[in-house]
Amino acid sequence: MTQANPTALLRQTHIDTIHALFADPPSLRAVAQASAQAHLDEHFAARTLAVEQLYLRTPLASQTATYDYTALADALVARLVNGEPVLYVPGHLESVQRVGDDYEPSTLDLFECEVLVNERGALLLASYREQLQAWWKTRWWPLVEALMGVVSDTPRQPGMSQRHLDTFFSLSFTNPGGELAAPAGPLRVSTVHLRREDAGDDDSGEILPLWLLQATHSTDMALYSPAMGVQLIDQLDDIGPLLADHLSPLLDEPAGEWFVVEHAGLAPESLASGYLARQLSEIAAIDPTVRRTAQQYQALLNAITDTRRWFVSPLTAFGQGVHEAIPAWLFNAAQTDRLQYGRLLVEQVRHLNQGAGKRFFPEVPSLAAFAEAALQDCLDNEPRAVELKVLDIHGVFGPPSAAPLELTLTEWALETLGGFTPSPITVTLKGAPAPAWLTEPLLRDWLAKADIAKTYGAVLRQRLAKGNAAKDWDRDLAGDQVLSQLKMLAMAYKIQGARADPAGLSPH
């Protein structure tokens, strides 16, 4: 059994802390409500209005005693969604406030509601950014401490030399300055910045959640990110081609120029700054002219503020190829199930390697190939059919009102083994109507003479007979291979939820 990496487990506890810390970001509606309340407090403080009690009331058509109520905060969200200023018409809309279970005319008149909704609704995404920054401030130091743990407990990567392991792993932070150090000595930390192509000369660039680590005792250098860990590089110019893996997929813009700035102080603060800057940039990049529902806006903001993105490594070209080759049910399975399936696959490869040059099974034709050969013998014994091939003959089945089912003669023979009994409504030869002599009774006579079930069974018994085992195949290798494949099949069923233990076989 493969043991879990203790360092990786420690790192995951820090990541879980971050996820819990950022699990409840502000909702768009909550920001709308806070923004509306700020407007009320600024302009109508003397009225002591509470936004959660304010509504817009619309009479429903043909039901004069029934009204539709829209909370003022929801009206701000609707202003963002519609992308156009609102115009509230007296008589068609009323401003009311809730008092207990009843509604009464509000001291905030309809025109004042219109001004509030247009001003605050148009700037709702900007208000969201401000609220998000304030929300981040209350979590800043717990986040920095958790990121320190993520950095310190970065698992060692296989394939690296001991020199590189001593230089870039088992990291710690010195007191009181918070500089980064490794067993081989201190590390110089630089932040990586990006200036977009369309940015002005005074643009200081966007800080990425990415470090350049440089050894102080050698020329060794590497990139570090919580998502991808340590990436060794030989020179600074190697950074440029690697930046694509560290850019936001939501910011579809040219990368522009990059530069590094040496960081002084507690290095994980720069990672936190990079994550916050990315979220703010992604929100600022939302195009309000693109029509979205309120739910779609919220889903987009949820994706932007999802901290799980911080620790997900983008796929390389090789990884993308592997991803495309892996079935979706396996790619999306739980990690323990993927590992177990991988072990079974390794076991199967081991059996193949052990049997290199040996035949696992006797040379038994497939059922389809055997059926085709047996039917071809029947055709060859019919003078009128000696020039024909089995695949030239097709039968069309099904009632005229339904979509027809077209089968080759071989497919028809195989279907009869499973109890298929219908008669063809049409027989064709090379796509054209069959000649008069090529009738259904003749075809059924060939199926009976071929007697595929009986003759194929006899072939299997003869080829798999114990006395013949040593001649052309290895019974033990075959057994191991079949058992390995059955275990993989059982695991596949378990992952897909079709059946936990097919035929009582455990994937273990």
Foldseek 3Di string as FASTA:
>chain_A
DDDDDPLVVQLVVLVVLVCVLLVDADFLLNLLQVLLVVVCCVPPVVQVDRQQFKWKWFQDPPRNVDIDIDRLSVLLLVCLQVVDQDDDDPPGIAIWTDDPPDIDHDPQGPVNSSVSSRVCSVCSLVSSLVSRVVSCVVCQPSNLVSVQSNLQSPDDDPPDDPVVCQARHNWHADPPQGFIAGNVGGKWKKWKFFDFPPDDPPDPGATFLKIWIADPVDRWIWMAALAPGTGTDNDPVVVVVVCVQRDDPLPPGDRHDMDIGTDTGNVSSSNVSNLSSQLSVSSVPDDSVPRDDSVVVRVSNCVSSRCVVRHHGDADPVRVVVVVVDDPLLVPFDPVLVVLLVVLVVLLVVLCVVQVPAAAFFPADDLLVLLQVLLLVVQCPDVVRVVDGQQQKWFWDDDPVDDIDIDGLSRVLVVVVVVDDDFGPFMGGNRHGDPPVPDRVSSVVSSVSSVSVVVSVVVVCVRPPPVCCVPGHPPVSNVSNVLSVVLSVLSSCCSVVVDNAVVNHHND
